[in-house]
Amino acid sequence: MAGSDAELTAVYRTFGVDTEVAFQSCDDLVQGKRTVLSAAALKYADERAPDAAKFLRAKSGTQIATQRTL
């Protein structure tokens, strides 16, 4: 990244932050943590995808990924 322009640095920074938020949200749900981030995700899902929100609440604290073939 040394010597890269500001626009490229901003793109990578945004990607890194978004990736970390996604990872942390997944990790929180798997561990069953009740965090501000997981609450915001569930509220968003309640408004836009109620079936997905119901699924996430039912599976919170479980290994969601192990129940499907990846």
PDB file of N, CA and C in Angstrom:
ATOM      1  N   MET A   1       0.817  -1.191   0.000  1.00  0.00           N
ATOM      2  CA  MET A   1       0.000   0.000   0.000  1.00  0.00           C
ATOM      3  C   MET A   1       0.865   1.260   0.000  1.00  0.00           C
ATOM      4  N   ALA A   2       2.129   1.084   0.302  1.00  0.00           N
ATOM      5  CA  ALA A   2       2.996   2.255   0.315  1.00  0.00           C
ATOM      6  C   ALA A   2       3.012   2.890  -1.064  1.00  0.00           C
ATOM      7  N   GLY A   3       2.802   4.172  -1.109  1.00  0.00           N
ATOM      8  CA  GLY A   3       2.835   4.903  -2.366  1.00  0.00           C
ATOM      9  C   GLY A   3       1.523   4.895  -3.126  1.00  0.00           C
ATOM     10  N   SER A   4       0.483   4.232  -2.617  1.00  0.00           N
ATOM     11  CA  SER A   4      -0.787   4.230  -3.346  1.00  0.00           C
ATOM     12  C   SER A   4      -1.517   5.555  -3.129  1.00  0.00           C
ATOM     13  N   ASP A   5      -2.384   5.851  -4.075  1.00  0.00           N
ATOM     14  CA  ASP A   5      -3.089   7.127  -3.972  1.00  0.00           C
ATOM     15  C   ASP A   5      -4.213   7.038  -2.935  1.00  0.00           C
ATOM     16  N   ALA A   6      -4.731   8.187  -2.556  1.00  0.00           N
ATOM     17  CA  ALA A   6      -5.743   8.278  -1.498  1.00  0.00           C
ATOM     18  C   ALA A   6      -7.020   7.527  -1.853  1.00  0.00           C
ATOM     19  N   GLU A   7      -7.408   7.538  -3.130  1.00  0.00           N
ATOM     20  CA  GLU A   7      -8.648   6.870  -3.544  1.00  0.00           C
ATOM     21  C   GLU A   7      -8.537   5.350  -3.342  1.00  0.00           C
ATOM     22  N   LEU A   8      -7.421   4.767  -3.757  1.00  0.00           N
ATOM     23  CA  LEU A   8      -7.225   3.331  -3.584  1.00  0.00           C
ATOM     24  C   LEU A   8      -7.172   2.963  -2.103  1.00  0.00           C
ATOM     25  N   THR A   9      -6.496   3.765  -1.321  1.00  0.00           N
ATOM     26  CA  THR A   9      -6.421   3.525   0.117  1.00  0.00           C
ATOM     27  C   THR A   9      -7.815   3.562   0.735  1.00  0.00           C
ATOM     28  N   ALA A  10      -8.650   4.501   0.329  1.00  0.00           N
ATOM     29  CA  ALA A  10     -10.015   4.614   0.855  1.00  0.00           C
ATOM     30  C   ALA A  10     -10.848   3.385   0.488  1.00  0.00           C
ATOM     31  N   VAL A  11     -10.687   2.895  -0.735  1.00  0.00           N
ATOM     32  CA  VAL A  11     -11.417   1.696  -1.172  1.00  0.00           C
ATOM     33  C   VAL A  11     -11.023   0.499  -0.312  1.00  0.00           C
ATOM     34  N   TYR A  12      -9.735   0.297  -0.121  1.00  0.00           N
ATOM     35  CA  TYR A  12      -9.274  -0.825   0.706  1.00  0.00           C
ATOM     36  C   TYR A  12      -9.717  -0.676   2.160  1.00  0.00           C
ATOM     37  N   ARG A  13      -9.711   0.535   2.674  1.00  0.00           N
ATOM     38  CA  ARG A  13     -10.135   0.766   4.051  1.00  0.00           C
ATOM     39  C   ARG A  13     -11.616   0.406   4.205  1.00  0.00           C
ATOM     40  N   THR A  14     -12.452   0.845   3.269  1.00  0.00           N
ATOM     41  CA  THR A  14     -13.880   0.534   3.313  1.00  0.00           C
ATOM     42  C   THR A  14     -14.103  -0.968   3.236  1.00  0.00           C
ATOM     43  N   PHE A  15     -13.407  -1.635   2.328  1.00  0.00           N
ATOM     44  CA  PHE A  15     -13.516  -3.079   2.199  1.00  0.00           C
ATOM     45  C   PHE A  15     -13.134  -3.769   3.510  1.00  0.00           C
ATOM     46  N   GLY A  16     -12.050  -3.334   4.113  1.00  0.00           N
ATOM     47  CA  GLY A  16     -11.593  -3.943   5.365  1.00  0.00           C
ATOM     48  C   GLY A  16     -12.585  -3.765   6.495  1.00  0.00           C
ATOM     49  N   VAL A  17     -13.144  -2.577   6.626  1.00  0.00           N
ATOM     50  CA  VAL A  17     -14.131  -2.313   7.679  1.00  0.00           C
ATOM     51  C   VAL A  17     -15.385  -3.151   7.443  1.00  0.00           C
ATOM     52  N   ASP A  18     -15.888  -3.172   6.211  1.00  0.00           N
ATOM     53  CA  ASP A  18     -17.090  -3.950   5.903  1.00  0.00           C
ATOM     54  C   ASP A  18     -16.871  -5.436   6.151  1.00  0.00           C
ATOM     55  N   THR A  19     -15.698  -5.931   5.799  1.00  0.00           N
ATOM     56  CA  THR A  19     -15.379  -7.345   6.015  1.00  0.00           C
ATOM     57  C   THR A  19     -15.335  -7.663   7.505  1.00  0.00           C
ATOM     58  N   GLU A  20     -14.735  -6.797   8.284  1.00  0.00           N
ATOM     59  CA  GLU A  20     -14.659  -7.002   9.731  1.00  0.00           C
ATOM     60  C   GLU A  20     -16.045  -6.984  10.366  1.00  0.00           C
ATOM     61  N   VAL A  21     -16.908  -6.066   9.934  1.00  0.00           N
ATOM     62  CA  VAL A  21     -18.272  -6.001  10.472  1.00  0.00           C
ATOM     63  C   VAL A  21     -19.020  -7.300  10.165  1.00  0.00           C
ATOM     64  N   ALA A  22     -18.892  -7.789   8.935  1.00  0.00           N
ATOM     65  CA  ALA A  22     -19.558  -9.041   8.557  1.00  0.00           C
ATOM     66  C   ALA A  22     -19.021 -10.204   9.385  1.00  0.00           C
ATOM     67  N   PHE A  23     -17.722 -10.301   9.532  1.00  0.00           N
ATOM     68  CA  PHE A  23     -17.118 -11.380  10.312  1.00  0.00           C
ATOM     69  C   PHE A  23     -17.575 -11.307  11.760  1.00  0.00           C
ATOM     70  N   GLN A  24     -17.546 -10.116  12.344  1.00  0.00           N
ATOM     71  CA  GLN A  24     -17.906  -9.957  13.748  1.00  0.00           C
ATOM     72  C   GLN A  24     -19.376 -10.285  13.969  1.00  0.00           C
ATOM     73  N   SER A  25     -20.241  -9.870  13.040  1.00  0.00           N
ATOM     74  CA  SER A  25     -21.667 -10.176  13.157  1.00  0.00           C
ATOM     75  C   SER A  25     -21.896 -11.675  13.160  1.00  0.00           C
ATOM     76  N   CYS A  26     -21.238 -12.361  12.245  1.00  0.00           N
ATOM     77  CA  CYS A  26     -21.359 -13.828  12.151  1.00  0.00           C
ATOM     78  C   CYS A  26     -20.865 -14.471  13.438  1.00  0.00           C
ATOM     79  N   ASP A  27     -19.718 -14.036  13.896  1.00  0.00           N
ATOM     80  CA  ASP A  27     -19.123 -14.594  15.101  1.00  0.00           C
ATOM     81  C   ASP A  27     -20.041 -14.372  16.305  1.00  0.00           C
ATOM     82  N   ASP A  28     -20.606 -13.181  16.427  1.00  0.00           N
ATOM     83  CA  ASP A  28     -21.516 -12.873  17.530  1.00  0.00           C
ATOM     84  C   ASP A  28     -22.742 -13.780  17.502  1.00  0.00           C
ATOM     85  N   LEU A  29     -23.309 -13.989  16.314  1.00  0.00           N
ATOM     86  CA  LEU A  29     -24.491 -14.842  16.200  1.00  0.00           C
ATOM     87  C   LEU A  29     -24.170 -16.285  16.556  1.00  0.00           C
ATOM     88  N   VAL A  30     -23.050 -16.795  16.068  1.00  0.00           N
ATOM     89  CA  VAL A  30     -22.657 -18.179  16.352  1.00  0.00           C
ATOM     90  C   VAL A  30     -22.454 -18.371  17.851  1.00  0.00           C
ATOM     91  N   GLN A  31     -21.854 -17.381  18.504  1.00  0.00           N
ATOM     92  CA  GLN A  31     -21.587 -17.482  19.929  1.00  0.00           C
ATOM     93  C   GLN A  31     -22.792 -17.103  20.782  1.00  0.00           C
ATOM     94  N   GLY A  32     -23.852 -16.608  20.144  1.00  0.00           N
ATOM     95  CA  GLY A  32     -25.047 -16.223  20.879  1.00  0.00           C
ATOM     96  C   GLY A  32     -24.900 -14.936  21.667  1.00  0.00           C
ATOM     97  N   LYS A  33     -23.925 -14.112  21.283  1.00  0.00           N
ATOM     98  CA  LYS A  33     -23.710 -12.836  21.972  1.00  0.00           C
ATOM     99  C   LYS A  33     -24.819 -11.857  21.602  1.00  0.00           C
ATOM    100  N   ARG A  34     -25.269 -11.111  22.574  1.00  0.00           N
ATOM    101  CA  ARG A  34     -26.258 -10.068  22.329  1.00  0.00           C
ATOM    102  C   ARG A  34     -25.518  -8.736  22.341  1.00  0.00           C
ATOM    103  N   THR A  35     -25.140  -8.302  21.154  1.00  0.00           N
ATOM    104  CA  THR A  35     -24.368  -7.070  21.017  1.00  0.00           C
ATOM    105  C   THR A  35     -25.188  -6.026  20.278  1.00  0.00           C
ATOM    106  N   VAL A  36     -24.727  -4.810  20.315  1.00  0.00           N
ATOM    107  CA  VAL A  36     -25.389  -3.735  19.572  1.00  0.00           C
ATOM    108  C   VAL A  36     -25.401  -4.077  18.084  1.00  0.00           C
ATOM    109  N   LEU A  37     -24.304  -4.620  17.593  1.00  0.00           N
ATOM    110  CA  LEU A  37     -24.207  -4.968  16.180  1.00  0.00           C
ATOM    111  C   LEU A  37     -25.200  -6.071  15.805  1.00  0.00           C
ATOM    112  N   SER A  38     -25.300  -7.111  16.631  1.00  0.00           N
ATOM    113  CA  SER A  38     -26.255  -8.181  16.311  1.00  0.00           C
ATOM    114  C   SER A  38     -27.689  -7.693  16.457  1.00  0.00           C
ATOM    115  N   ALA A  39     -27.962  -6.816  17.417  1.00  0.00           N
ATOM    116  CA  ALA A  39     -29.308  -6.250  17.569  1.00  0.00           C
ATOM    117  C   ALA A  39     -29.684  -5.417  16.347  1.00  0.00           C
ATOM    118  N   ALA A  40     -28.742  -4.632  15.839  1.00  0.00           N
ATOM    119  CA  ALA A  40     -29.005  -3.826  14.642  1.00  0.00           C
ATOM    120  C   ALA A  40     -29.255  -4.730  13.432  1.00  0.00           C
ATOM    121  N   ALA A  41     -28.488  -5.812  13.323  1.00  0.00           N
ATOM    122  CA  ALA A  41     -28.681  -6.750  12.209  1.00  0.00           C
ATOM    123  C   ALA A  41     -30.056  -7.397  12.283  1.00  0.00           C
ATOM    124  N   LEU A  42     -30.473  -7.797  13.472  1.00  0.00           N
ATOM    125  CA  LEU A  42     -31.790  -8.418  13.629  1.00  0.00           C
ATOM    126  C   LEU A  42     -32.917  -7.421  13.365  1.00  0.00           C
ATOM    127  N   LYS A  43     -32.739  -6.182  13.791  1.00  0.00           N
ATOM    128  CA  LYS A  43     -33.755  -5.160  13.523  1.00  0.00           C
ATOM    129  C   LYS A  43     -33.888  -4.947  12.011  1.00  0.00           C
ATOM    130  N   TYR A  44     -32.763  -4.873  11.333  1.00  0.00           N
ATOM    131  CA  TYR A  44     -32.751  -4.715   9.883  1.00  0.00           C
ATOM    132  C   TYR A  44     -33.456  -5.894   9.223  1.00  0.00           C
ATOM    133  N   ALA A  45     -33.137  -7.099   9.683  1.00  0.00           N
ATOM    134  CA  ALA A  45     -33.763  -8.301   9.122  1.00  0.00           C
ATOM    135  C   ALA A  45     -35.262  -8.324   9.425  1.00  0.00           C
ATOM    136  N   ASP A  46     -35.665  -7.903  10.627  1.00  0.00           N
ATOM    137  CA  ASP A  46     -37.091  -7.845  10.968  1.00  0.00           C
ATOM    138  C   ASP A  46     -37.862  -6.998   9.964  1.00  0.00           C
ATOM    139  N   GLU A  47     -37.260  -5.893   9.569  1.00  0.00           N
ATOM    140  CA  GLU A  47     -37.931  -4.955   8.671  1.00  0.00           C
ATOM    141  C   GLU A  47     -37.927  -5.416   7.222  1.00  0.00           C
ATOM    142  N   ARG A  48     -36.888  -6.126   6.810  1.00  0.00           N
ATOM    143  CA  ARG A  48     -36.726  -6.445   5.390  1.00  0.00           C
ATOM    144  C   ARG A  48     -36.863  -7.920   5.039  1.00  0.00           C
ATOM    145  N   ALA A  49     -36.631  -8.779   6.009  1.00  0.00           N
ATOM    146  CA  ALA A  49     -36.686 -10.223   5.740  1.00  0.00           C
ATOM    147  C   ALA A  49     -37.073 -10.957   7.032  1.00  0.00           C
ATOM    148  N   PRO A  50     -38.347 -10.873   7.419  1.00  0.00           N
ATOM    149  CA  PRO A  50     -38.787 -11.455   8.687  1.00  0.00           C
ATOM    150  C   PRO A  50     -38.457 -12.941   8.839  1.00  0.00           C
ATOM    151  N   ASP A  51     -38.532 -13.704   7.752  1.00  0.00           N
ATOM    152  CA  ASP A  51     -38.196 -15.130   7.849  1.00  0.00           C
ATOM    153  C   ASP A  51     -36.721 -15.325   8.180  1.00  0.00           C
ATOM    154  N   ALA A  52     -35.873 -14.482   7.611  1.00  0.00           N
ATOM    155  CA  ALA A  52     -34.438 -14.559   7.905  1.00  0.00           C
ATOM    156  C   ALA A  52     -34.185 -14.185   9.370  1.00  0.00           C
ATOM    157  N   ALA A  53     -34.880 -13.178   9.867  1.00  0.00           N
ATOM    158  CA  ALA A  53     -34.720 -12.769  11.265  1.00  0.00           C
ATOM    159  C   ALA A  53     -35.145 -13.899  12.196  1.00  0.00           C
ATOM    160  N   LYS A  54     -36.244 -14.557  11.872  1.00  0.00           N
ATOM    161  CA  LYS A  54     -36.718 -15.683  12.677  1.00  0.00           C
ATOM    162  C   LYS A  54     -35.680 -16.810  12.677  1.00  0.00           C
ATOM    163  N   PHE A  55     -35.120 -17.101  11.511  1.00  0.00           N
ATOM    164  CA  PHE A  55     -34.087 -18.132  11.398  1.00  0.00           C
ATOM    165  C   PHE A  55     -32.879 -17.774  12.248  1.00  0.00           C
ATOM    166  N   LEU A  56     -32.415 -16.524  12.161  1.00  0.00           N
ATOM    167  CA  LEU A  56     -31.238 -16.107  12.924  1.00  0.00           C
ATOM    168  C   LEU A  56     -31.484 -16.205  14.426  1.00  0.00           C
ATOM    169  N   ARG A  57     -32.671 -15.817  14.861  1.00  0.00           N
ATOM    170  CA  ARG A  57     -32.981 -15.922  16.290  1.00  0.00           C
ATOM    171  C   ARG A  57     -32.997 -17.383  16.744  1.00  0.00           C
ATOM    172  N   ALA A  58     -33.541 -18.258  15.914  1.00  0.00           N
ATOM    173  CA  ALA A  58     -33.602 -19.678  16.266  1.00  0.00           C
ATOM    174  C   ALA A  58     -32.219 -20.318  16.293  1.00  0.00           C
ATOM    175  N   LYS A  59     -31.335 -19.855  15.450  1.00  0.00           N
ATOM    176  CA  LYS A  59     -30.007 -20.471  15.322  1.00  0.00           C
ATOM    177  C   LYS A  59     -28.921 -19.742  16.092  1.00  0.00           C
ATOM    178  N   SER A  60     -29.244 -18.632  16.718  1.00  0.00           N
ATOM    179  CA  SER A  60     -28.251 -17.883  17.473  1.00  0.00           C
ATOM    180  C   SER A  60     -27.648 -18.785  18.552  1.00  0.00           C
ATOM    181  N   GLY A  61     -26.330 -18.796  18.605  1.00  0.00           N
ATOM    182  CA  GLY A  61     -25.631 -19.630  19.567  1.00  0.00           C
ATOM    183  C   GLY A  61     -25.351 -21.025  19.060  1.00  0.00           C
ATOM    184  N   THR A  62     -25.626 -21.287  17.773  1.00  0.00           N
ATOM    185  CA  THR A  62     -25.350 -22.601  17.191  1.00  0.00           C
ATOM    186  C   THR A  62     -24.388 -22.433  16.030  1.00  0.00           C
ATOM    187  N   GLN A  63     -23.853 -23.523  15.581  1.00  0.00           N
ATOM    188  CA  GLN A  63     -22.975 -23.518  14.418  1.00  0.00           C
ATOM    189  C   GLN A  63     -23.843 -23.584  13.160  1.00  0.00           C
ATOM    190  N   ILE A  64     -24.348 -22.445  12.732  1.00  0.00           N
ATOM    191  CA  ILE A  64     -25.259 -22.365  11.581  1.00  0.00           C
ATOM    192  C   ILE A  64     -24.653 -23.034  10.355  1.00  0.00           C
ATOM    193  N   ALA A  65     -23.385 -22.770  10.105  1.00  0.00           N
ATOM    194  CA  ALA A  65     -22.749 -23.273   8.883  1.00  0.00           C
ATOM    195  C   ALA A  65     -22.650 -24.794   8.866  1.00  0.00           C
ATOM    196  N   THR A  66     -22.615 -25.437   9.993  1.00  0.00           N
ATOM    197  CA  THR A  66     -22.472 -26.890  10.004  1.00  0.00           C
ATOM    198  C   THR A  66     -23.771 -27.598   9.630  1.00  0.00           C
ATOM    199  N   GLN A  67     -24.859 -26.861   9.575  1.00  0.00           N
ATOM    200  CA  GLN A  67     -26.147 -27.465   9.269  1.00  0.00           C
ATOM    201  C   GLN A  67     -26.443 -27.461   7.773  1.00  0.00           C
ATOM    202  N   ARG A  68     -25.522 -26.978   6.975  1.00  0.00           N
ATOM    203  CA  ARG A  68     -25.651 -26.948   5.532  1.00  0.00           C
ATOM    204  C   ARG A  68     -24.376 -27.460   4.893  1.00  0.00           C
ATOM    205  N   THR A  69     -24.489 -27.966   3.730  1.00  0.00           N
ATOM    206  CA  THR A  69     -23.310 -28.369   2.996  1.00  0.00           C
ATOM    207  C   THR A  69     -22.700 -27.130   2.355  1.00  0.00           C
ATOM    208  N   LEU A  70     -21.465 -26.868   2.675  1.00  0.00           N
ATOM    209  CA  LEU A  70     -20.810 -25.671   2.134  1.00  0.00           C
ATOM    210  C   LEU A  70     -20.133 -25.982   0.841  1.00  0.00           C
TER     211      LEU A  70
END
